[in-house]
Amino acid sequence: QVQLVESGGGLVQPGGSLRLSCATSASIFSRFVIAWYRQAPGKQREFVADISSGGSANYVDSVKGRFTISRDNAQNAVHLQMNSLKPEDTAVYYCNVRLGPQRYWGQGTQVTVSS
């Protein structure tokens, strides 16, 4: 069974920073691409960033230069460092891994950017 456990969300002012973490098992962490998605109220879930087992990363254009995804080999976790946050970054952020045709999701963590 695939488990993805997110943490690190919260309330932050515009321009602030947060770091999200997604912890999983060693077998998943070492073999598969792990991604972050987000879903704002009334909107579809959208891709934010992903990172391969080899460390190659991809980002949606709206977060390039502000967000950084990284792998933590000691903790079997993927981190999403979010800087220069904007109100439009407000959403529930989900960790995701795809094993063949099956997608697995974490429970989500709320990020709210507001003054």
Protein backbone atom coordinates (compact mmCIF):
# COMPACT_ATOMS: atom_id res chain seq x y z
CA GLN A 1 0.00 0.00 0.00
CA VAL A 2 1.33 3.41 -0.98
CA GLN A 3 1.36 6.03 1.74
CA LEU A 4 2.10 9.70 1.17
CA VAL A 5 2.09 11.98 4.21
CA GLU A 6 2.20 15.73 3.66
CA SER A 7 3.10 18.36 6.24
CA GLY A 8 4.14 21.99 6.44
CA GLY A 9 1.12 23.98 5.31
CA GLY A 10 -0.20 27.04 7.08
CA LEU A 11 -1.06 30.71 6.88
CA VAL A 12 1.56 33.12 5.55
CA GLN A 13 1.58 36.73 4.41
CA PRO A 14 2.21 37.64 0.77
CA GLY A 15 5.93 37.53 0.07
CA GLY A 16 6.50 34.95 2.77
CA SER A 17 7.80 31.39 2.60
CA LEU A 18 6.69 27.89 3.52
CA ARG A 19 8.22 24.46 3.10
CA LEU A 20 6.01 21.47 2.41
CA SER A 21 7.16 17.91 2.94
CA CYS A 22 5.92 14.61 1.55
CA ALA A 23 7.13 11.48 3.30
CA THR A 24 6.80 8.02 1.83
CA SER A 25 8.34 4.57 1.94
CA ALA A 26 11.89 3.96 0.83
CA SER A 27 10.78 1.72 -2.05
CA ILE A 28 8.53 4.41 -3.49
CA PHE A 29 10.97 7.23 -2.85
CA SER A 30 13.88 5.52 -4.58
CA ARG A 31 12.06 4.42 -7.73
CA PHE A 32 9.31 6.81 -8.78
CA VAL A 33 8.64 10.38 -9.77
CA ILE A 34 6.98 12.25 -6.92
CA ALA A 35 4.89 15.30 -7.69
CA TRP A 36 3.08 18.15 -6.02
CA TYR A 37 -0.35 19.28 -7.19
CA ARG A 38 -2.65 21.94 -5.79
CA GLN A 39 -6.34 22.69 -5.85
CA ALA A 40 -7.77 26.11 -5.15
CA PRO A 41 -11.44 26.57 -4.20
CA GLY A 42 -13.66 26.22 -7.24
CA LYS A 43 -10.78 25.22 -9.52
CA GLN A 44 -9.41 22.01 -10.94
CA ARG A 45 -6.41 20.34 -9.41
CA GLU A 46 -3.25 21.48 -11.19
CA PHE A 47 0.32 20.26 -11.46
CA VAL A 48 2.89 22.30 -9.53
CA ALA A 49 6.21 20.44 -9.68
CA ASP A 50 7.74 17.00 -9.80
CA ILE A 51 11.10 15.36 -9.28
CA SER A 52 12.47 12.08 -10.57
CA SER A 53 14.44 9.50 -8.64
CA GLY A 54 17.52 10.94 -10.30
CA GLY A 55 16.73 14.48 -9.20
CA SER A 56 15.40 16.00 -12.42
CA ALA A 57 12.71 18.58 -11.66
CA ASN A 58 9.86 20.18 -13.57
CA TYR A 59 7.71 23.16 -12.63
CA VAL A 60 4.56 24.84 -13.83
CA ASP A 61 5.41 28.25 -15.28
CA SER A 62 3.58 30.16 -12.56
CA VAL A 63 5.96 28.94 -9.82
CA LYS A 64 9.27 28.91 -11.68
CA GLY A 65 11.87 30.97 -9.83
CA ARG A 66 9.81 30.93 -6.63
CA PHE A 67 9.36 27.24 -5.74
CA THR A 68 12.05 24.59 -5.44
CA ILE A 69 11.41 20.86 -5.22
CA SER A 70 14.08 18.63 -3.69
CA ARG A 71 14.70 15.12 -2.45
CA ASP A 72 15.73 14.24 1.10
CA ASN A 73 17.36 10.83 0.94
CA ALA A 74 17.77 10.56 4.71
CA GLN A 75 14.05 11.00 5.36
CA ASN A 76 12.61 9.44 2.18
CA ALA A 77 10.83 12.73 1.63
CA VAL A 78 10.29 15.29 -1.06
CA HIS A 79 10.24 18.94 -0.05
CA LEU A 80 8.63 21.90 -1.80
CA GLN A 81 10.24 25.17 -0.75
CA MET A 82 7.86 27.99 -1.59
CA ASN A 83 9.20 31.55 -1.57
CA SER A 84 7.69 34.89 -2.58
CA LEU A 85 4.23 33.47 -2.01
CA LYS A 86 1.25 35.18 -3.60
CA PRO A 87 -2.45 35.09 -2.70
CA GLU A 88 -3.05 33.06 -5.86
CA ASP A 89 -0.88 30.29 -4.40
CA THR A 90 -3.61 29.65 -1.85
CA ALA A 91 -4.78 26.05 -2.25
CA VAL A 92 -4.72 22.57 -0.80
CA TYR A 93 -1.41 21.02 -1.84
CA TYR A 94 -1.28 17.29 -2.56
CA CYS A 95 1.62 14.90 -2.94
CA ASN A 96 1.26 12.39 -5.77
CA VAL A 97 2.97 9.32 -7.15
CA ARG A 98 1.96 7.33 -10.20
CA LEU A 99 2.59 3.59 -10.38
CA GLY A 100 1.67 2.58 -13.91
CA PRO A 101 -1.96 3.56 -14.48
CA GLN A 102 -2.67 4.08 -10.79
CA ARG A 103 -2.26 7.46 -9.09
CA TYR A 104 -1.88 7.77 -5.34
CA TRP A 105 -2.53 10.93 -3.36
CA GLY A 106 -1.75 12.18 0.10
CA GLN A 107 -4.38 13.74 2.35
CA GLY A 108 -3.42 17.29 1.38
CA THR A 109 -2.15 20.26 3.32
CA GLN A 110 -3.71 23.73 3.28
CA VAL A 111 -1.62 26.72 2.23
CA THR A 112 -3.21 30.14 2.71
CA VAL A 113 -1.47 33.32 1.57
CA SER A 114 -3.21 36.34 3.01
CA SER A 115 -2.50 39.58 4.81
